[in-house]
Amino acid sequence: MPELPEVETVMRGLKPHLEGRRIAKVKLNRKDLRVPFPRGFAKALEGAKVERLARRAKYMLWHLETGKTAIVHLGMSGKFTIYENGEEPARNPHDHVVITTEGGTRLIYTDHRRFGLMTLAKGADLDAHPYFAHMGPEPLGNGFSGPALTVALKGKKTPIKAALLDQRVVAGLGNIYVCEALWRARISPRRQAASVAGVRAERLAPAIKDVLGEAIASGGSTLRDYARADGGLGYFQHRFDVYGREGEPCRACGKGTVRRLVQSGRSTFFCPQCQR
């Protein structure tokens, strides 16, 4: 599933084509994705100007001049492709949504697994929306820090890896970047979450910010289906220090070997020598 850096990259790629533009037409080629499109979804977008694009966790937010916000999630394999200057895309049975702006630019949403979603909400009520009401702080925001992480993890007996994937602790983190951040902070993924406090939390919070920032700068990570809105691929996978490197030497200590274990059904990669 695309994680925060991938969603941020897609959102930034859509900005020049949507922000400040008016949507002329929305064609829905089916009634649903993961969930049904809300009644009047296409009509609510048509004729509306997109004032601003933003991101919350792994969701894109298209703020419309009407006061409504389109909430977009890419799911496992969803992607947008941009067509300009009359370009004609090849027919694809998995092209489920076609959005055309007044300038003639077409944005086609393709999702062969249909795990993505698109819905509408009142912009003023987003914080109370079921998708966001119990969500933790943005890891790239000013509200996320070592002390804030210490408070969020207090009393949690789950492994720190599982705690960081809990969207109530911090928003938008996924499996890949949690593995990489824990390695950078030299914290074992098996350590009890509540024990990641004080100095450890002060190491972990900036490690999370750094790995996410570097991934965004690299256009995200392309492992399977992910592609940027311009069709390009992400490159951060070439810089993974532990993820997918089972059996290879640790790049930090040079003594340990990267190991893989399964936590809550997800693969975790770490160095048992230097992550404590």
Protein backbone atom coordinates (compact mmCIF):
# COMPACT_ATOMS: atom_id res chain seq x y z
CA MET A 1 0.00 0.00 0.00
CA PRO A 2 1.32 3.48 -0.80
CA GLU A 3 2.52 5.06 2.44
CA LEU A 4 2.72 8.71 3.47
CA PRO A 5 5.64 9.68 1.16
CA GLU A 6 3.93 8.13 -1.86
CA VAL A 7 0.63 9.86 -1.14
CA GLU A 8 2.42 13.17 -0.56
CA THR A 9 4.27 12.73 -3.86
CA VAL A 10 1.05 12.02 -5.77
CA MET A 11 -0.67 14.99 -4.13
CA ARG A 12 2.19 17.30 -5.11
CA GLY A 13 2.06 15.95 -8.65
CA LEU A 14 -1.66 16.70 -8.94
CA LYS A 15 -1.39 20.22 -7.54
CA PRO A 16 -0.36 22.03 -10.75
CA HIS A 17 -3.23 20.37 -12.62
CA LEU A 18 -5.99 20.76 -10.02
CA GLU A 19 -5.21 23.57 -7.61
CA GLY A 20 -6.94 26.75 -8.73
CA ARG A 21 -8.65 24.87 -11.57
CA ARG A 22 -12.35 24.29 -12.10
CA ILE A 23 -13.61 20.76 -12.66
CA ALA A 24 -15.69 20.56 -15.83
CA LYS A 25 -16.72 16.91 -15.86
CA VAL A 26 -16.50 13.80 -13.69
CA LYS A 27 -17.20 10.40 -15.23
CA LEU A 28 -17.67 7.43 -12.91
CA ASN A 29 -17.27 4.14 -14.75
CA ARG A 30 -18.69 2.12 -11.84
CA LYS A 31 -20.78 2.73 -8.74
CA ASP A 32 -18.10 1.98 -6.18
CA LEU A 33 -14.47 1.41 -5.30
CA ARG A 34 -13.82 -0.01 -1.83
CA VAL A 35 -17.07 1.66 -0.81
CA PRO A 36 -19.85 3.14 -2.99
CA PHE A 37 -19.41 6.68 -4.25
CA PRO A 38 -21.70 8.96 -2.23
CA ARG A 39 -24.90 10.05 -3.94
CA GLY A 40 -24.27 13.11 -6.07
CA PHE A 41 -20.47 12.73 -5.93
CA ALA A 42 -19.84 13.63 -9.57
CA LYS A 43 -22.34 16.50 -9.52
CA ALA A 44 -20.74 17.97 -6.37
CA LEU A 45 -17.37 18.16 -8.12
CA GLU A 46 -18.55 19.38 -11.52
CA GLY A 47 -18.38 23.14 -11.82
CA ALA A 48 -16.46 23.51 -8.55
CA LYS A 49 -13.09 25.18 -8.28
CA VAL A 50 -10.39 23.28 -6.39
CA GLU A 51 -9.00 25.84 -3.97
CA ARG A 52 -6.34 23.73 -2.29
CA LEU A 53 -4.88 20.23 -2.18
CA ALA A 54 -3.61 18.82 1.09
CA ARG A 55 -2.86 15.51 2.77
CA ARG A 56 -3.90 13.97 6.09
CA ALA A 57 -2.09 10.72 6.88
CA LYS A 58 -2.56 8.58 3.73
CA TYR A 59 -5.57 10.54 2.49
CA MET A 60 -5.57 13.33 -0.09
CA LEU A 61 -7.91 16.24 0.55
CA TRP A 62 -9.27 18.30 -2.34
CA HIS A 63 -10.75 21.44 -0.79
CA LEU A 64 -13.45 22.90 -3.04
CA GLU A 65 -14.72 26.47 -3.18
CA THR A 66 -18.18 25.15 -2.25
CA GLY A 67 -16.98 24.30 1.27
CA LYS A 68 -16.93 20.59 0.56
CA THR A 69 -13.81 18.44 0.52
CA ALA A 70 -13.20 15.38 -1.64
CA ILE A 71 -11.41 12.70 0.38
CA VAL A 72 -9.27 10.40 -1.79
CA HIS A 73 -7.42 7.25 -0.72
CA LEU A 74 -5.29 5.24 -3.16
CA GLY A 75 -5.80 1.89 -1.45
CA MET A 76 -3.37 -0.83 -2.53
CA SER A 77 -2.96 -0.10 -6.21
CA GLY A 78 -4.78 3.13 -7.06
CA LYS A 79 -3.00 5.73 -9.17
CA PHE A 80 -3.71 8.90 -11.12
CA THR A 81 -2.43 9.53 -14.62
CA ILE A 82 -2.49 12.99 -16.18
CA TYR A 83 -3.31 13.55 -19.85
CA GLU A 84 -2.91 16.95 -21.49
CA ASN A 85 -3.07 18.50 -24.95
CA GLY A 86 -5.67 16.08 -26.26
CA GLU A 87 -3.67 12.95 -25.42
CA GLU A 88 -5.80 9.83 -25.78
CA PRO A 89 -5.13 7.10 -23.19
CA ALA A 90 -5.32 3.45 -24.14
CA ARG A 91 -8.52 1.74 -23.01
CA ASN A 92 -8.17 0.18 -19.58
CA PRO A 93 -11.04 -1.64 -17.85
CA HIS A 94 -9.65 -0.51 -14.50
CA ASP A 95 -9.96 3.22 -15.27
CA HIS A 96 -12.78 3.93 -12.82
CA VAL A 97 -12.86 7.73 -12.57
CA VAL A 98 -12.13 10.34 -15.24
CA ILE A 99 -11.89 13.97 -14.13
CA THR A 100 -11.66 16.71 -16.75
CA THR A 101 -10.78 20.30 -15.88
CA GLU A 102 -12.01 23.37 -17.76
CA GLY A 103 -8.66 23.60 -19.48
CA GLY A 104 -9.09 20.12 -20.93
CA THR A 105 -6.64 18.27 -18.67
CA ARG A 106 -7.83 14.78 -17.80
CA LEU A 107 -6.95 12.98 -14.60
CA ILE A 108 -7.71 9.26 -14.78
CA TYR A 109 -7.91 7.19 -11.62
CA THR A 110 -6.95 3.55 -12.22
CA ASP A 111 -7.34 0.88 -9.54
CA HIS A 112 -7.40 -2.77 -10.55
CA ARG A 113 -7.91 -3.99 -6.97
CA ARG A 114 -10.49 -1.32 -6.12
CA PHE A 115 -9.25 -0.85 -2.55
CA GLY A 116 -9.14 2.93 -2.97
CA LEU A 117 -11.98 5.25 -2.08
CA MET A 118 -13.42 8.65 -2.91
CA THR A 119 -16.00 10.41 -0.81
CA LEU A 120 -17.16 13.88 0.24
CA ALA A 121 -17.23 15.74 3.54
CA LYS A 122 -17.84 19.26 4.78
CA GLY A 123 -14.46 20.96 4.97
CA ALA A 124 -15.27 22.60 8.30
CA ASP A 125 -16.06 19.21 9.86
CA LEU A 126 -13.01 17.24 8.70
CA ASP A 127 -11.45 16.89 12.15
CA ALA A 128 -14.63 15.19 13.37
CA HIS A 129 -14.96 12.94 10.32
CA PRO A 130 -14.81 9.20 11.18
CA TYR A 131 -11.63 8.81 9.13
CA PHE A 132 -9.79 11.51 11.10
CA ALA A 133 -11.47 11.97 14.48
CA HIS A 134 -9.13 9.65 16.39
CA MET A 135 -6.02 10.14 14.29
CA GLY A 136 -2.72 11.11 15.85
CA PRO A 137 -0.46 14.01 14.83
CA GLU A 138 1.17 14.32 11.43
CA PRO A 139 4.76 13.03 11.73
CA LEU A 140 6.05 15.94 9.61
CA GLY A 141 4.12 18.54 11.60
CA ASN A 142 5.25 20.71 14.49
CA GLY A 143 3.02 18.75 16.87
CA PHE A 144 5.15 15.62 16.53
CA SER A 145 8.27 15.49 18.70
CA GLY A 146 10.12 13.32 21.19
CA PRO A 147 8.08 14.55 24.18
CA ALA A 148 4.81 14.15 22.25
CA LEU A 149 5.79 10.62 21.26
CA THR A 150 6.64 9.78 24.87
CA VAL A 151 3.16 10.84 25.94
CA ALA A 152 1.47 8.92 23.12
CA LEU A 153 3.32 5.70 23.97
CA LYS A 154 2.82 5.89 27.72
CA GLY A 155 1.39 2.66 29.12
CA LYS A 156 1.44 0.82 25.79
CA LYS A 157 2.60 -2.76 26.17
CA THR A 158 2.63 -3.61 22.48
CA PRO A 159 5.94 -3.74 20.56
CA ILE A 160 7.05 -0.31 19.34
CA LYS A 161 6.70 -1.47 15.71
CA ALA A 162 2.99 -2.19 16.20
CA ALA A 163 2.46 1.02 18.17
CA LEU A 164 3.90 3.18 15.38
CA LEU A 165 1.53 1.58 12.87
CA ASP A 166 -1.40 2.58 15.09
CA GLN A 167 -2.82 5.69 13.42
CA ARG A 168 -3.99 6.96 16.83
CA VAL A 169 -0.35 7.30 17.91
CA VAL A 170 0.97 9.00 14.79
CA ALA A 171 -0.79 9.47 11.45
CA GLY A 172 0.26 7.96 8.17
CA LEU A 173 3.17 5.72 9.09
CA GLY A 174 3.41 2.41 7.26
CA ASN A 175 5.50 -0.73 7.45
CA ILE A 176 8.44 0.29 5.28
CA TYR A 177 9.24 3.61 6.89
CA VAL A 178 8.69 2.38 10.44
CA CYS A 179 11.34 -0.30 9.83
CA GLU A 180 13.73 2.27 8.42
CA ALA A 181 13.13 4.81 11.22
CA LEU A 182 13.58 2.26 14.00
CA TRP A 183 16.87 1.20 12.43
CA ARG A 184 18.08 4.80 12.26
CA ALA A 185 17.13 5.35 15.91
CA ARG A 186 18.80 2.04 16.90
CA ILE A 187 15.60 0.83 18.59
CA SER A 188 14.52 -2.80 18.42
CA PRO A 189 11.10 -3.31 16.82
CA ARG A 190 10.38 -5.79 19.62
CA ARG A 191 10.93 -3.29 22.43
CA GLN A 192 7.84 -2.50 24.48
CA ALA A 193 6.37 0.75 23.23
CA ALA A 194 6.08 2.37 26.67
CA SER A 195 9.84 2.00 27.15
CA VAL A 196 10.47 4.23 24.13
CA ALA A 197 10.48 7.41 26.16
CA GLY A 198 12.85 10.23 26.98
CA VAL A 199 16.13 9.84 25.10
CA ARG A 200 14.85 7.00 22.92
CA ALA A 201 11.82 9.00 21.86
CA GLU A 202 14.09 12.00 21.20
CA ARG A 203 16.06 9.79 18.78
CA LEU A 204 13.04 8.20 17.16
CA ALA A 205 10.94 11.29 16.37
CA PRO A 206 13.60 13.00 14.22
CA ALA A 207 14.49 9.66 12.61
CA ILE A 208 10.87 9.34 11.49
CA LYS A 209 10.87 12.89 10.13
CA ASP A 210 14.17 12.37 8.32
CA VAL A 211 13.27 9.09 6.62
CA LEU A 212 9.89 10.46 5.48
CA GLY A 213 11.46 13.67 4.21
CA GLU A 214 14.13 11.80 2.26
CA ALA A 215 11.55 9.43 0.80
CA ILE A 216 9.39 12.32 -0.40
CA ALA A 217 12.45 13.96 -1.97
CA SER A 218 13.08 10.68 -3.83
CA GLY A 219 9.49 10.49 -5.08
CA GLY A 220 8.53 7.69 -2.69
CA SER A 221 9.27 3.97 -3.07
CA THR A 222 8.13 1.85 -6.00
CA LEU A 223 7.85 -1.81 -5.04
CA ARG A 224 4.77 -2.98 -6.97
CA ASP A 225 2.02 -0.78 -8.37
CA TYR A 226 2.95 2.70 -7.19
CA ALA A 227 3.74 5.42 -9.72
CA ARG A 228 3.75 9.20 -9.49
CA ALA A 229 1.05 11.24 -11.19
CA ASP A 230 3.44 11.96 -14.07
CA GLY A 231 3.93 8.24 -14.59
CA GLY A 232 7.43 8.21 -13.09
CA LEU A 233 8.58 5.79 -10.43
CA GLY A 234 9.85 6.48 -6.93
CA TYR A 235 13.49 5.79 -6.10
CA PHE A 236 13.74 5.59 -2.32
CA GLN A 237 13.69 1.76 -2.47
CA HIS A 238 17.28 1.96 -3.68
CA ARG A 239 18.19 3.59 -0.35
CA PHE A 240 16.57 1.11 2.03
CA ASP A 241 18.94 0.30 4.89
CA VAL A 242 17.03 -2.67 6.32
CA TYR A 243 13.71 -3.16 4.54
CA GLY A 244 13.96 -6.13 2.17
CA ARG A 245 17.65 -6.71 3.05
CA GLU A 246 17.32 -9.93 5.05
CA GLY A 247 20.64 -11.76 5.34
CA GLU A 248 22.72 -8.74 4.31
CA PRO A 249 25.23 -6.99 6.60
CA CYS A 250 24.05 -4.05 8.68
CA ARG A 251 25.25 -0.78 7.21
CA ALA A 252 25.54 0.82 10.64
CA CYS A 253 27.47 -1.56 12.86
CA GLY A 254 29.02 -3.79 10.19
CA LYS A 255 28.80 -6.71 12.61
CA GLY A 256 25.14 -7.65 12.57
CA THR A 257 23.08 -9.22 9.81
CA VAL A 258 19.68 -7.90 8.87
CA ARG A 259 16.96 -10.23 10.07
CA ARG A 260 13.29 -10.55 9.21
CA LEU A 261 10.52 -11.37 11.64
CA VAL A 262 6.74 -11.25 11.38
CA GLN A 263 4.83 -8.90 13.67
CA SER A 264 1.05 -8.64 13.41
CA GLY A 265 1.20 -10.28 10.02
CA ARG A 266 3.73 -7.78 8.63
CA SER A 267 7.39 -8.33 7.81
CA THR A 268 9.81 -6.45 10.04
CA PHE A 269 13.46 -5.98 9.06
CA PHE A 270 16.05 -5.01 11.66
CA CYS A 271 19.59 -5.52 12.92
CA PRO A 272 19.60 -7.45 16.21
CA GLN A 273 23.17 -6.33 16.86
CA CYS A 274 22.66 -2.57 17.05
CA GLN A 275 18.91 -2.17 17.56
CA ARG A 276 18.16 -2.54 21.25
